[in-house]
Amino acid sequence: MNSMIKTVRKNGVIGGTALYSLFISGIAHAQSQSITLTDPLGGNETFLSVATAVGGFIFWDIAMPFSIIMVLVGAFQLMTSAGEPEKVSQGRKTIMYAAIGFAIALIAGGITNIIKSFIGVS
């Protein structure tokens, strides 16, 4: 039993040493290569152009489709309510909340223009 424990310890040390040497050689190899990072924004970007791009993405790519989907969900709830007042009310609330969310997205999109006019950038 003791010889088995010694063998496991010995193999563990050898295996650990082998992994350590592979790790160190990997680091040495990585240091010999030059790494080039590119600008993900394409260069010469200003804060205003980035803010406009992010605002457009949030409005056109997230808020618009989500609002349309929620209006369709509300319409489906109304169609499948079979005249039950609770389900009709739930469908109307879904459509109303989708419209409110879309209005908030429109207002948020207008904030960029307000900031532009406040700081005097056209």
PDB file of N, CA and C in Angstrom:
ATOM      1  N   MET A   1       0.819  -1.186   0.000  1.00  0.00           N
ATOM      2  CA  MET A   1       0.000   0.000   0.000  1.00  0.00           C
ATOM      3  C   MET A   1       0.863   1.251   0.000  1.00  0.00           C
ATOM      4  N   ASN A   2       1.914   1.254   0.835  1.00  0.00           N
ATOM      5  CA  ASN A   2       2.813   2.406   0.878  1.00  0.00           C
ATOM      6  C   ASN A   2       3.524   2.615  -0.445  1.00  0.00           C
ATOM      7  N   SER A   3       3.923   1.527  -1.087  1.00  0.00           N
ATOM      8  CA  SER A   3       4.611   1.652  -2.365  1.00  0.00           C
ATOM      9  C   SER A   3       3.668   2.225  -3.426  1.00  0.00           C
ATOM     10  N   MET A   4       2.368   1.901  -3.318  1.00  0.00           N
ATOM     11  CA  MET A   4       1.402   2.429  -4.262  1.00  0.00           C
ATOM     12  C   MET A   4       1.225   3.941  -4.067  1.00  0.00           C
ATOM     13  N   ILE A   5       1.183   4.381  -2.819  1.00  0.00           N
ATOM     14  CA  ILE A   5       1.057   5.805  -2.522  1.00  0.00           C
ATOM     15  C   ILE A   5       2.295   6.541  -3.005  1.00  0.00           C
ATOM     16  N   LYS A   6       3.488   5.954  -2.798  1.00  0.00           N
ATOM     17  CA  LYS A   6       4.711   6.593  -3.261  1.00  0.00           C
ATOM     18  C   LYS A   6       4.728   6.701  -4.777  1.00  0.00           C
ATOM     19  N   THR A   7       4.224   5.660  -5.466  1.00  0.00           N
ATOM     20  CA  THR A   7       4.182   5.683  -6.926  1.00  0.00           C
ATOM     21  C   THR A   7       3.242   6.773  -7.426  1.00  0.00           C
ATOM     22  N   VAL A   8       2.074   6.903  -6.777  1.00  0.00           N
ATOM     23  CA  VAL A   8       1.118   7.935  -7.169  1.00  0.00           C
ATOM     24  C   VAL A   8       1.714   9.308  -6.930  1.00  0.00           C
ATOM     25  N   ARG A   9       2.375   9.497  -5.778  1.00  0.00           N
ATOM     26  CA  ARG A   9       2.995  10.791  -5.488  1.00  0.00           C
ATOM     27  C   ARG A   9       4.089  11.090  -6.495  1.00  0.00           C
ATOM     28  N   LYS A  10       4.887  10.093  -6.813  1.00  0.00           N
ATOM     29  CA  LYS A  10       5.980  10.276  -7.758  1.00  0.00           C
ATOM     30  C   LYS A  10       5.422  10.626  -9.145  1.00  0.00           C
ATOM     31  N   ASN A  11       4.410   9.904  -9.596  1.00  0.00           N
ATOM     32  CA  ASN A  11       3.813  10.180 -10.896  1.00  0.00           C
ATOM     33  C   ASN A  11       3.125  11.543 -10.893  1.00  0.00           C
ATOM     34  N   GLY A  12       2.513  11.904  -9.782  1.00  0.00           N
ATOM     35  CA  GLY A  12       1.876  13.217  -9.679  1.00  0.00           C
ATOM     36  C   GLY A  12       2.888  14.326  -9.800  1.00  0.00           C
ATOM     37  N   VAL A  13       4.039  14.167  -9.172  1.00  0.00           N
ATOM     38  CA  VAL A  13       5.087  15.183  -9.253  1.00  0.00           C
ATOM     39  C   VAL A  13       5.635  15.253 -10.669  1.00  0.00           C
ATOM     40  N   ILE A  14       5.835  14.114 -11.288  1.00  0.00           N
ATOM     41  CA  ILE A  14       6.358  14.091 -12.653  1.00  0.00           C
ATOM     42  C   ILE A  14       5.336  14.708 -13.610  1.00  0.00           C
ATOM     43  N   GLY A  15       4.071  14.329 -13.444  1.00  0.00           N
ATOM     44  CA  GLY A  15       3.027  14.880 -14.304  1.00  0.00           C
ATOM     45  C   GLY A  15       2.873  16.376 -14.108  1.00  0.00           C
ATOM     46  N   GLY A  16       2.927  16.819 -12.867  1.00  0.00           N
ATOM     47  CA  GLY A  16       2.831  18.247 -12.576  1.00  0.00           C
ATOM     48  C   GLY A  16       4.001  19.012 -13.162  1.00  0.00           C
ATOM     49  N   THR A  17       5.185  18.434 -13.069  1.00  0.00           N
ATOM     50  CA  THR A  17       6.367  19.065 -13.636  1.00  0.00           C
ATOM     51  C   THR A  17       6.261  19.154 -15.153  1.00  0.00           C
ATOM     52  N   ALA A  18       5.736  18.093 -15.778  1.00  0.00           N
ATOM     53  CA  ALA A  18       5.581  18.092 -17.236  1.00  0.00           C
ATOM     54  C   ALA A  18       4.580  19.161 -17.661  1.00  0.00           C
ATOM     55  N   LEU A  19       3.461  19.272 -16.954  1.00  0.00           N
ATOM     56  CA  LEU A  19       2.481  20.295 -17.281  1.00  0.00           C
ATOM     57  C   LEU A  19       3.049  21.691 -17.084  1.00  0.00           C
ATOM     58  N   TYR A  20       3.812  21.862 -16.020  1.00  0.00           N
ATOM     59  CA  TYR A  20       4.423  23.160 -15.742  1.00  0.00           C
ATOM     60  C   TYR A  20       5.397  23.540 -16.856  1.00  0.00           C
ATOM     61  N   SER A  21       6.203  22.601 -17.310  1.00  0.00           N
ATOM     62  CA  SER A  21       7.166  22.899 -18.366  1.00  0.00           C
ATOM     63  C   SER A  21       6.451  23.207 -19.689  1.00  0.00           C
ATOM     64  N   LEU A  22       5.336  22.519 -19.970  1.00  0.00           N
ATOM     65  CA  LEU A  22       4.563  22.835 -21.166  1.00  0.00           C
ATOM     66  C   LEU A  22       3.961  24.234 -21.075  1.00  0.00           C
ATOM     67  N   PHE A  23       3.487  24.594 -19.889  1.00  0.00           N
ATOM     68  CA  PHE A  23       2.903  25.917 -19.669  1.00  0.00           C
ATOM     69  C   PHE A  23       3.957  26.999 -19.878  1.00  0.00           C
ATOM     70  N   ILE A  24       5.127  26.803 -19.308  1.00  0.00           N
ATOM     71  CA  ILE A  24       6.205  27.780 -19.431  1.00  0.00           C
ATOM     72  C   ILE A  24       6.655  27.893 -20.888  1.00  0.00           C
ATOM     73  N   SER A  25       6.773  26.786 -21.592  1.00  0.00           N
ATOM     74  CA  SER A  25       7.191  26.847 -22.998  1.00  0.00           C
ATOM     75  C   SER A  25       6.126  27.543 -23.840  1.00  0.00           C
ATOM     76  N   GLY A  26       4.865  27.366 -23.487  1.00  0.00           N
ATOM     77  CA  GLY A  26       3.785  28.063 -24.192  1.00  0.00           C
ATOM     78  C   GLY A  26       3.873  29.557 -23.980  1.00  0.00           C
ATOM     79  N   ILE A  27       4.192  29.972 -22.751  1.00  0.00           N
ATOM     80  CA  ILE A  27       4.345  31.398 -22.470  1.00  0.00           C
ATOM     81  C   ILE A  27       5.536  31.952 -23.235  1.00  0.00           C
ATOM     82  N   ALA A  28       6.646  31.236 -23.243  1.00  0.00           N
ATOM     83  CA  ALA A  28       7.829  31.698 -23.958  1.00  0.00           C
ATOM     84  C   ALA A  28       7.537  31.800 -25.452  1.00  0.00           C
ATOM     85  N   HIS A  29       6.782  30.852 -25.987  1.00  0.00           N
ATOM     86  CA  HIS A  29       6.432  30.894 -27.407  1.00  0.00           C
ATOM     87  C   HIS A  29       5.517  32.078 -27.698  1.00  0.00           C
ATOM     88  N   ALA A  30       4.565  32.343 -26.817  1.00  0.00           N
ATOM     89  CA  ALA A  30       3.644  33.451 -27.018  1.00  0.00           C
ATOM     90  C   ALA A  30       4.372  34.786 -26.936  1.00  0.00           C
ATOM     91  N   GLN A  31       5.408  34.880 -26.119  1.00  0.00           N
ATOM     92  CA  GLN A  31       6.140  36.131 -25.994  1.00  0.00           C
ATOM     93  C   GLN A  31       6.995  36.409 -27.220  1.00  0.00           C
ATOM     94  N   SER A  32       7.342  35.394 -27.976  1.00  0.00           N
ATOM     95  CA  SER A  32       8.170  35.606 -29.150  1.00  0.00           C
ATOM     96  C   SER A  32       7.355  36.110 -30.338  1.00  0.00           C
ATOM     97  N   GLN A  33       6.018  36.002 -30.295  1.00  0.00           N
ATOM     98  CA  GLN A  33       5.166  36.459 -31.383  1.00  0.00           C
ATOM     99  C   GLN A  33       4.681  37.869 -31.085  1.00  0.00           C
ATOM    100  N   SER A  34       4.524  38.666 -32.118  1.00  0.00           N
ATOM    101  CA  SER A  34       3.965  39.997 -31.908  1.00  0.00           C
ATOM    102  C   SER A  34       2.453  39.921 -32.089  1.00  0.00           C
ATOM    103  N   ILE A  35       1.754  40.625 -31.245  1.00  0.00           N
ATOM    104  CA  ILE A  35       0.294  40.621 -31.272  1.00  0.00           C
ATOM    105  C   ILE A  35      -0.170  41.992 -31.749  1.00  0.00           C
ATOM    106  N   THR A  36      -1.048  42.010 -32.739  1.00  0.00           N
ATOM    107  CA  THR A  36      -1.564  43.255 -33.274  1.00  0.00           C
ATOM    108  C   THR A  36      -3.056  43.321 -32.985  1.00  0.00           C
ATOM    109  N   LEU A  37      -3.477  44.399 -32.365  1.00  0.00           N
ATOM    110  CA  LEU A  37      -4.889  44.610 -32.083  1.00  0.00           C
ATOM    111  C   LEU A  37      -5.437  45.656 -33.032  1.00  0.00           C
ATOM    112  N   THR A  38      -6.597  45.391 -33.588  1.00  0.00           N
ATOM    113  CA  THR A  38      -7.225  46.357 -34.487  1.00  0.00           C
ATOM    114  C   THR A  38      -8.305  47.115 -33.738  1.00  0.00           C
ATOM    115  N   ASP A  39      -8.578  48.310 -34.193  1.00  0.00           N
ATOM    116  CA  ASP A  39      -9.611  49.140 -33.589  1.00  0.00           C
ATOM    117  C   ASP A  39     -10.982  48.614 -34.015  1.00  0.00           C
ATOM    118  N   PRO A  40     -11.814  48.147 -33.072  1.00  0.00           N
ATOM    119  CA  PRO A  40     -13.112  47.577 -33.462  1.00  0.00           C
ATOM    120  C   PRO A  40     -14.088  48.619 -33.994  1.00  0.00           C
ATOM    121  N   LEU A  41     -13.839  49.898 -33.729  1.00  0.00           N
ATOM    122  CA  LEU A  41     -14.743  50.943 -34.188  1.00  0.00           C
ATOM    123  C   LEU A  41     -14.352  51.499 -35.546  1.00  0.00           C
ATOM    124  N   GLY A  42     -13.225  51.071 -36.084  1.00  0.00           N
ATOM    125  CA  GLY A  42     -12.825  51.505 -37.406  1.00  0.00           C
ATOM    126  C   GLY A  42     -11.937  52.738 -37.427  1.00  0.00           C
ATOM    127  N   GLY A  43     -11.601  53.277 -36.290  1.00  0.00           N
ATOM    128  CA  GLY A  43     -10.708  54.432 -36.231  1.00  0.00           C
ATOM    129  C   GLY A  43     -11.437  55.749 -36.406  1.00  0.00           C
ATOM    130  N   ASN A  44     -10.854  56.801 -35.876  1.00  0.00           N
ATOM    131  CA  ASN A  44     -11.362  58.175 -35.983  1.00  0.00           C
ATOM    132  C   ASN A  44     -12.819  58.308 -35.552  1.00  0.00           C
ATOM    133  N   GLU A  45     -13.205  57.573 -34.538  1.00  0.00           N
ATOM    134  CA  GLU A  45     -14.572  57.652 -34.029  1.00  0.00           C
ATOM    135  C   GLU A  45     -14.627  58.672 -32.898  1.00  0.00           C
ATOM    136  N   THR A  46     -15.688  59.459 -32.875  1.00  0.00           N
ATOM    137  CA  THR A  46     -15.897  60.406 -31.782  1.00  0.00           C
ATOM    138  C   THR A  46     -16.947  59.839 -30.843  1.00  0.00           C
ATOM    139  N   PHE A  47     -17.036  60.442 -29.681  1.00  0.00           N
ATOM    140  CA  PHE A  47     -18.034  59.998 -28.713  1.00  0.00           C
ATOM    141  C   PHE A  47     -19.432  60.135 -29.286  1.00  0.00           C
ATOM    142  N   LEU A  48     -19.660  61.227 -30.013  1.00  0.00           N
ATOM    143  CA  LEU A  48     -20.981  61.481 -30.568  1.00  0.00           C
ATOM    144  C   LEU A  48     -21.368  60.434 -31.615  1.00  0.00           C
ATOM    145  N   SER A  49     -20.417  60.041 -32.461  1.00  0.00           N
ATOM    146  CA  SER A  49     -20.742  59.038 -33.476  1.00  0.00           C
ATOM    147  C   SER A  49     -20.971  57.670 -32.846  1.00  0.00           C
ATOM    148  N   VAL A  50     -20.216  57.356 -31.787  1.00  0.00           N
ATOM    149  CA  VAL A  50     -20.427  56.089 -31.082  1.00  0.00           C
ATOM    150  C   VAL A  50     -21.783  56.098 -30.385  1.00  0.00           C
ATOM    151  N   ALA A  51     -22.124  57.219 -29.728  1.00  0.00           N
ATOM    152  CA  ALA A  51     -23.420  57.311 -29.039  1.00  0.00           C
ATOM    153  C   ALA A  51     -24.572  57.204 -30.028  1.00  0.00           C
ATOM    154  N   THR A  52     -24.429  57.811 -31.193  1.00  0.00           N
ATOM    155  CA  THR A  52     -25.465  57.727 -32.220  1.00  0.00           C
ATOM    156  C   THR A  52     -25.612  56.298 -32.734  1.00  0.00           C
ATOM    157  N   ALA A  53     -24.486  55.624 -32.938  1.00  0.00           N
ATOM    158  CA  ALA A  53     -24.532  54.237 -33.413  1.00  0.00           C
ATOM    159  C   ALA A  53     -25.169  53.318 -32.378  1.00  0.00           C
ATOM    160  N   VAL A  54     -24.810  53.494 -31.109  1.00  0.00           N
ATOM    161  CA  VAL A  54     -25.381  52.662 -30.048  1.00  0.00           C
ATOM    162  C   VAL A  54     -26.878  52.941 -29.906  1.00  0.00           C
ATOM    163  N   GLY A  55     -27.262  54.222 -29.956  1.00  0.00           N
ATOM    164  CA  GLY A  55     -28.680  54.572 -29.871  1.00  0.00           C
ATOM    165  C   GLY A  55     -29.482  53.997 -31.020  1.00  0.00           C
ATOM    166  N   GLY A  56     -28.923  54.062 -32.220  1.00  0.00           N
ATOM    167  CA  GLY A  56     -29.598  53.479 -33.382  1.00  0.00           C
ATOM    168  C   GLY A  56     -29.747  51.981 -33.261  1.00  0.00           C
ATOM    169  N   PHE A  57     -28.695  51.326 -32.755  1.00  0.00           N
ATOM    170  CA  PHE A  57     -28.772  49.873 -32.565  1.00  0.00           C
ATOM    171  C   PHE A  57     -29.850  49.514 -31.559  1.00  0.00           C
ATOM    172  N   ILE A  58     -29.872  50.228 -30.446  1.00  0.00           N
ATOM    173  CA  ILE A  58     -30.864  49.916 -29.409  1.00  0.00           C
ATOM    174  C   ILE A  58     -32.277  50.149 -29.937  1.00  0.00           C
ATOM    175  N   PHE A  59     -32.468  51.239 -30.686  1.00  0.00           N
ATOM    176  CA  PHE A  59     -33.817  51.545 -31.174  1.00  0.00           C
ATOM    177  C   PHE A  59     -34.239  50.614 -32.298  1.00  0.00           C
ATOM    178  N   TRP A  60     -33.434  50.551 -33.382  1.00  0.00           N
ATOM    179  CA  TRP A  60     -33.850  49.809 -34.564  1.00  0.00           C
ATOM    180  C   TRP A  60     -33.699  48.309 -34.424  1.00  0.00           C
ATOM    181  N   ASP A  61     -32.696  47.855 -33.696  1.00  0.00           N
ATOM    182  CA  ASP A  61     -32.433  46.415 -33.635  1.00  0.00           C
ATOM    183  C   ASP A  61     -33.006  45.727 -32.400  1.00  0.00           C
ATOM    184  N   ILE A  62     -33.383  46.485 -31.399  1.00  0.00           N
ATOM    185  CA  ILE A  62     -33.922  45.863 -30.191  1.00  0.00           C
ATOM    186  C   ILE A  62     -35.345  46.344 -29.913  1.00  0.00           C
ATOM    187  N   ALA A  63     -35.550  47.659 -29.768  1.00  0.00           N
ATOM    188  CA  ALA A  63     -36.849  48.184 -29.337  1.00  0.00           C
ATOM    189  C   ALA A  63     -37.943  47.975 -30.388  1.00  0.00           C
ATOM    190  N   MET A  64     -37.631  48.251 -31.648  1.00  0.00           N
ATOM    191  CA  MET A  64     -38.657  48.109 -32.693  1.00  0.00           C
ATOM    192  C   MET A  64     -39.156  46.672 -32.824  1.00  0.00           C
ATOM    193  N   PRO A  65     -38.268  45.694 -33.034  1.00  0.00           N
ATOM    194  CA  PRO A  65     -38.773  44.316 -33.156  1.00  0.00           C
ATOM    195  C   PRO A  65     -39.471  43.815 -31.895  1.00  0.00           C
ATOM    196  N   PHE A  66     -38.930  44.187 -30.730  1.00  0.00           N
ATOM    197  CA  PHE A  66     -39.541  43.736 -29.486  1.00  0.00           C
ATOM    198  C   PHE A  66     -40.937  44.329 -29.330  1.00  0.00           C
ATOM    199  N   SER A  67     -41.107  45.601 -29.667  1.00  0.00           N
ATOM    200  CA  SER A  67     -42.433  46.224 -29.574  1.00  0.00           C
ATOM    201  C   SER A  67     -43.421  45.556 -30.523  1.00  0.00           C
ATOM    202  N   ILE A  68     -42.986  45.290 -31.738  1.00  0.00           N
ATOM    203  CA  ILE A  68     -43.862  44.643 -32.710  1.00  0.00           C
ATOM    204  C   ILE A  68     -44.261  43.250 -32.236  1.00  0.00           C
ATOM    205  N   ILE A  69     -43.301  42.509 -31.714  1.00  0.00           N
ATOM    206  CA  ILE A  69     -43.593  41.162 -31.209  1.00  0.00           C
ATOM    207  C   ILE A  69     -44.586  41.224 -30.060  1.00  0.00           C
ATOM    208  N   MET A  70     -44.414  42.183 -29.157  1.00  0.00           N
ATOM    209  CA  MET A  70     -45.328  42.264 -28.017  1.00  0.00           C
ATOM    210  C   MET A  70     -46.729  42.693 -28.434  1.00  0.00           C
ATOM    211  N   VAL A  71     -46.840  43.545 -29.449  1.00  0.00           N
ATOM    212  CA  VAL A  71     -48.175  43.899 -29.958  1.00  0.00           C
ATOM    213  C   VAL A  71     -48.832  42.663 -30.556  1.00  0.00           C
ATOM    214  N   LEU A  72     -48.053  41.866 -31.276  1.00  0.00           N
ATOM    215  CA  LEU A  72     -48.609  40.627 -31.841  1.00  0.00           C
ATOM    216  C   LEU A  72     -49.022  39.646 -30.737  1.00  0.00           C
ATOM    217  N   VAL A  73     -48.243  39.570 -29.666  1.00  0.00           N
ATOM    218  CA  VAL A  73     -48.604  38.704 -28.541  1.00  0.00           C
ATOM    219  C   VAL A  73     -49.903  39.183 -27.913  1.00  0.00           C
ATOM    220  N   GLY A  74     -50.022  40.504 -27.728  1.00  0.00           N
ATOM    221  CA  GLY A  74     -51.263  41.054 -27.170  1.00  0.00           C
ATOM    222  C   GLY A  74     -52.461  40.793 -28.064  1.00  0.00           C
ATOM    223  N   ALA A  75     -52.267  40.920 -29.380  1.00  0.00           N
ATOM    224  CA  ALA A  75     -53.350  40.640 -30.321  1.00  0.00           C
ATOM    225  C   ALA A  75     -53.740  39.164 -30.272  1.00  0.00           C
ATOM    226  N   PHE A  76     -52.751  38.290 -30.156  1.00  0.00           N
ATOM    227  CA  PHE A  76     -53.045  36.868 -30.042  1.00  0.00           C
ATOM    228  C   PHE A  76     -53.822  36.579 -28.756  1.00  0.00           C
ATOM    229  N   GLN A  77     -53.447  37.249 -27.674  1.00  0.00           N
ATOM    230  CA  GLN A  77     -54.178  37.070 -26.420  1.00  0.00           C
ATOM    231  C   GLN A  77     -55.623  37.527 -26.574  1.00  0.00           C
ATOM    232  N   LEU A  78     -55.847  38.636 -27.277  1.00  0.00           N
ATOM    233  CA  LEU A  78     -57.207  39.108 -27.502  1.00  0.00           C
ATOM    234  C   LEU A  78     -58.011  38.129 -28.359  1.00  0.00           C
ATOM    235  N   MET A  79     -57.380  37.602 -29.399  1.00  0.00           N
ATOM    236  CA  MET A  79     -58.082  36.689 -30.303  1.00  0.00           C
ATOM    237  C   MET A  79     -58.432  35.370 -29.630  1.00  0.00           C
ATOM    238  N   THR A  80     -57.587  34.913 -28.724  1.00  0.00           N
ATOM    239  CA  THR A  80     -57.829  33.618 -28.083  1.00  0.00           C
ATOM    240  C   THR A  80     -58.526  33.752 -26.733  1.00  0.00           C
ATOM    241  N   SER A  81     -58.998  34.944 -26.411  1.00  0.00           N
ATOM    242  CA  SER A  81     -59.621  35.141 -25.099  1.00  0.00           C
ATOM    243  C   SER A  81     -61.016  34.542 -25.008  1.00  0.00           C
ATOM    244  N   ALA A  82     -61.658  34.332 -26.135  1.00  0.00           N
ATOM    245  CA  ALA A  82     -63.017  33.765 -26.198  1.00  0.00           C
ATOM    246  C   ALA A  82     -64.003  34.571 -25.368  1.00  0.00           C
ATOM    247  N   GLY A  83     -63.774  35.883 -25.306  1.00  0.00           N
ATOM    248  CA  GLY A  83     -64.709  36.753 -24.606  1.00  0.00           C
ATOM    249  C   GLY A  83     -64.561  36.795 -23.099  1.00  0.00           C
ATOM    250  N   GLU A  84     -63.580  36.091 -22.544  1.00  0.00           N
ATOM    251  CA  GLU A  84     -63.372  36.145 -21.091  1.00  0.00           C
ATOM    252  C   GLU A  84     -62.783  37.504 -20.729  1.00  0.00           C
ATOM    253  N   PRO A  85     -63.449  38.226 -19.818  1.00  0.00           N
ATOM    254  CA  PRO A  85     -63.011  39.592 -19.504  1.00  0.00           C
ATOM    255  C   PRO A  85     -61.563  39.674 -18.978  1.00  0.00           C
ATOM    256  N   GLU A  86     -61.147  38.688 -18.223  1.00  0.00           N
ATOM    257  CA  GLU A  86     -59.792  38.719 -17.671  1.00  0.00           C
ATOM    258  C   GLU A  86     -58.739  38.575 -18.771  1.00  0.00           C
ATOM    259  N   LYS A  87     -58.977  37.685 -19.732  1.00  0.00           N
ATOM    260  CA  LYS A  87     -58.027  37.490 -20.824  1.00  0.00           C
ATOM    261  C   LYS A  87     -58.039  38.671 -21.805  1.00  0.00           C
ATOM    262  N   VAL A  88     -59.231  39.261 -22.007  1.00  0.00           N
ATOM    263  CA  VAL A  88     -59.319  40.451 -22.861  1.00  0.00           C
ATOM    264  C   VAL A  88     -58.530  41.584 -22.226  1.00  0.00           C
ATOM    265  N   SER A  89     -58.675  41.763 -20.932  1.00  0.00           N
ATOM    266  CA  SER A  89     -57.943  42.803 -20.211  1.00  0.00           C
ATOM    267  C   SER A  89     -56.433  42.564 -20.279  1.00  0.00           C
ATOM    268  N   GLN A  90     -56.018  41.316 -20.171  1.00  0.00           N
ATOM    269  CA  GLN A  90     -54.589  40.991 -20.247  1.00  0.00           C
ATOM    270  C   GLN A  90     -54.029  41.319 -21.630  1.00  0.00           C
ATOM    271  N   GLY A  91     -54.763  41.018 -22.684  1.00  0.00           N
ATOM    272  CA  GLY A  91     -54.323  41.331 -24.043  1.00  0.00           C
ATOM    273  C   GLY A  91     -54.213  42.824 -24.280  1.00  0.00           C
ATOM    274  N   ARG A  92     -55.213  43.578 -23.792  1.00  0.00           N
ATOM    275  CA  ARG A  92     -55.174  45.041 -23.928  1.00  0.00           C
ATOM    276  C   ARG A  92     -53.993  45.638 -23.163  1.00  0.00           C
ATOM    277  N   LYS A  93     -53.726  45.110 -21.970  1.00  0.00           N
ATOM    278  CA  LYS A  93     -52.588  45.608 -21.181  1.00  0.00           C
ATOM    279  C   LYS A  93     -51.269  45.315 -21.885  1.00  0.00           C
ATOM    280  N   THR A  94     -51.172  44.146 -22.504  1.00  0.00           N
ATOM    281  CA  THR A  94     -49.936  43.799 -23.227  1.00  0.00           C
ATOM    282  C   THR A  94     -49.700  44.774 -24.365  1.00  0.00           C
ATOM    283  N   ILE A  95     -50.733  45.089 -25.123  1.00  0.00           N
ATOM    284  CA  ILE A  95     -50.593  46.039 -26.228  1.00  0.00           C
ATOM    285  C   ILE A  95     -50.272  47.433 -25.698  1.00  0.00           C
ATOM    286  N   MET A  96     -50.934  47.830 -24.616  1.00  0.00           N
ATOM    287  CA  MET A  96     -50.686  49.154 -24.045  1.00  0.00           C
ATOM    288  C   MET A  96     -49.247  49.268 -23.539  1.00  0.00           C
ATOM    289  N   TYR A  97     -48.748  48.238 -22.855  1.00  0.00           N
ATOM    290  CA  TYR A  97     -47.376  48.282 -22.334  1.00  0.00           C
ATOM    291  C   TYR A  97     -46.355  48.260 -23.472  1.00  0.00           C
ATOM    292  N   ALA A  98     -46.677  47.576 -24.569  1.00  0.00           N
ATOM    293  CA  ALA A  98     -45.785  47.588 -25.733  1.00  0.00           C
ATOM    294  C   ALA A  98     -45.724  48.991 -26.331  1.00  0.00           C
ATOM    295  N   ALA A  99     -46.870  49.667 -26.392  1.00  0.00           N
ATOM    296  CA  ALA A  99     -46.902  51.034 -26.924  1.00  0.00           C
ATOM    297  C   ALA A  99     -46.151  51.994 -26.008  1.00  0.00           C
ATOM    298  N   ILE A 100     -46.301  51.818 -24.699  1.00  0.00           N
ATOM    299  CA  ILE A 100     -45.573  52.667 -23.747  1.00  0.00           C
ATOM    300  C   ILE A 100     -44.068  52.435 -23.869  1.00  0.00           C
ATOM    301  N   GLY A 101     -43.664  51.194 -23.992  1.00  0.00           N
ATOM    302  CA  GLY A 101     -42.240  50.883 -24.151  1.00  0.00           C
ATOM    303  C   GLY A 101     -41.673  51.462 -25.433  1.00  0.00           C
ATOM    304  N   PHE A 102     -42.453  51.412 -26.518  1.00  0.00           N
ATOM    305  CA  PHE A 102     -42.000  51.992 -27.776  1.00  0.00           C
ATOM    306  C   PHE A 102     -41.887  53.509 -27.664  1.00  0.00           C
ATOM    307  N   ALA A 103     -42.829  54.141 -26.958  1.00  0.00           N
ATOM    308  CA  ALA A 103     -42.766  55.592 -26.759  1.00  0.00           C
ATOM    309  C   ALA A 103     -41.525  55.970 -25.949  1.00  0.00           C
ATOM    310  N   ILE A 104     -41.206  55.182 -24.933  1.00  0.00           N
ATOM    311  CA  ILE A 104     -39.999  55.441 -24.150  1.00  0.00           C
ATOM    312  C   ILE A 104     -38.756  55.299 -25.020  1.00  0.00           C
ATOM    313  N   ALA A 105     -38.751  54.320 -25.918  1.00  0.00           N
ATOM    314  CA  ALA A 105     -37.616  54.142 -26.832  1.00  0.00           C
ATOM    315  C   ALA A 105     -37.499  55.338 -27.775  1.00  0.00           C
ATOM    316  N   LEU A 106     -38.623  55.872 -28.247  1.00  0.00           N
ATOM    317  CA  LEU A 106     -38.588  57.057 -29.096  1.00  0.00           C
ATOM    318  C   LEU A 106     -38.027  58.260 -28.344  1.00  0.00           C
ATOM    319  N   ILE A 107     -38.455  58.429 -27.113  1.00  0.00           N
ATOM    320  CA  ILE A 107     -37.961  59.534 -26.295  1.00  0.00           C
ATOM    321  C   ILE A 107     -36.465  59.384 -26.048  1.00  0.00           C
ATOM    322  N   ALA A 108     -36.038  58.159 -25.761  1.00  0.00           N
ATOM    323  CA  ALA A 108     -34.615  57.922 -25.528  1.00  0.00           C
ATOM    324  C   ALA A 108     -33.793  58.208 -26.781  1.00  0.00           C
ATOM    325  N   GLY A 109     -34.337  57.895 -27.957  1.00  0.00           N
ATOM    326  CA  GLY A 109     -33.645  58.209 -29.198  1.00  0.00           C
ATOM    327  C   GLY A 109     -33.539  59.707 -29.430  1.00  0.00           C
ATOM    328  N   GLY A 110     -34.518  60.467 -28.954  1.00  0.00           N
ATOM    329  CA  GLY A 110     -34.481  61.919 -29.099  1.00  0.00           C
ATOM    330  C   GLY A 110     -33.515  62.598 -28.157  1.00  0.00           C
ATOM    331  N   ILE A 111     -33.129  61.911 -27.102  1.00  0.00           N
ATOM    332  CA  ILE A 111     -32.193  62.497 -26.144  1.00  0.00           C
ATOM    333  C   ILE A 111     -30.853  62.789 -26.814  1.00  0.00           C
ATOM    334  N   THR A 112     -30.442  61.957 -27.755  1.00  0.00           N
ATOM    335  CA  THR A 112     -29.192  62.198 -28.482  1.00  0.00           C
ATOM    336  C   THR A 112     -29.244  63.536 -29.207  1.00  0.00           C
ATOM    337  N   ASN A 113     -30.362  63.831 -29.848  1.00  0.00           N
ATOM    338  CA  ASN A 113     -30.495  65.110 -30.546  1.00  0.00           C
ATOM    339  C   ASN A 113     -30.517  66.275 -29.572  1.00  0.00           C
ATOM    340  N   ILE A 114     -31.120  66.096 -28.424  1.00  0.00           N
ATOM    341  CA  ILE A 114     -31.142  67.145 -27.411  1.00  0.00           C
ATOM    342  C   ILE A 114     -29.727  67.425 -26.917  1.00  0.00           C
ATOM    343  N   ILE A 115     -28.960  66.375 -26.674  1.00  0.00           N
ATOM    344  CA  ILE A 115     -27.578  66.550 -26.218  1.00  0.00           C
ATOM    345  C   ILE A 115     -26.753  67.224 -27.305  1.00  0.00           C
ATOM    346  N   LYS A 116     -26.951  66.840 -28.561  1.00  0.00           N
ATOM    347  CA  LYS A 116     -26.223  67.478 -29.669  1.00  0.00           C
ATOM    348  C   LYS A 116     -26.510  68.976 -29.714  1.00  0.00           C
ATOM    349  N   SER A 117     -27.776  69.360 -29.601  1.00  0.00           N
ATOM    350  CA  SER A 117     -28.110  70.775 -29.654  1.00  0.00           C
ATOM    351  C   SER A 117     -27.608  71.524 -28.405  1.00  0.00           C
ATOM    352  N   PHE A 118     -27.541  70.832 -27.283  1.00  0.00           N
ATOM    353  CA  PHE A 118     -27.067  71.477 -26.048  1.00  0.00           C
ATOM    354  C   PHE A 118     -25.580  71.779 -26.114  1.00  0.00           C
ATOM    355  N   ILE A 119     -24.801  70.861 -26.671  1.00  0.00           N
ATOM    356  CA  ILE A 119     -23.357  71.082 -26.736  1.00  0.00           C
ATOM    357  C   ILE A 119     -22.939  71.795 -28.018  1.00  0.00           C
ATOM    358  N   GLY A 120     -23.905  72.063 -28.902  1.00  0.00           N
ATOM    359  CA  GLY A 120     -23.625  72.852 -30.093  1.00  0.00           C
ATOM    360  C   GLY A 120     -23.020  72.097 -31.243  1.00  0.00           C
ATOM    361  N   VAL A 121     -23.229  70.796 -31.308  1.00  0.00           N
ATOM    362  CA  VAL A 121     -22.712  69.998 -32.411  1.00  0.00           C
ATOM    363  C   VAL A 121     -23.861  69.755 -33.385  1.00  0.00           C
ATOM    364  N   SER A 122     -23.583  69.922 -34.670  1.00  0.00           N
ATOM    365  CA  SER A 122     -24.655  69.695 -35.642  1.00  0.00           C
ATOM    366  C   SER A 122     -24.694  68.272 -36.114  1.00  0.00           C
TER     367      SER A 122
END
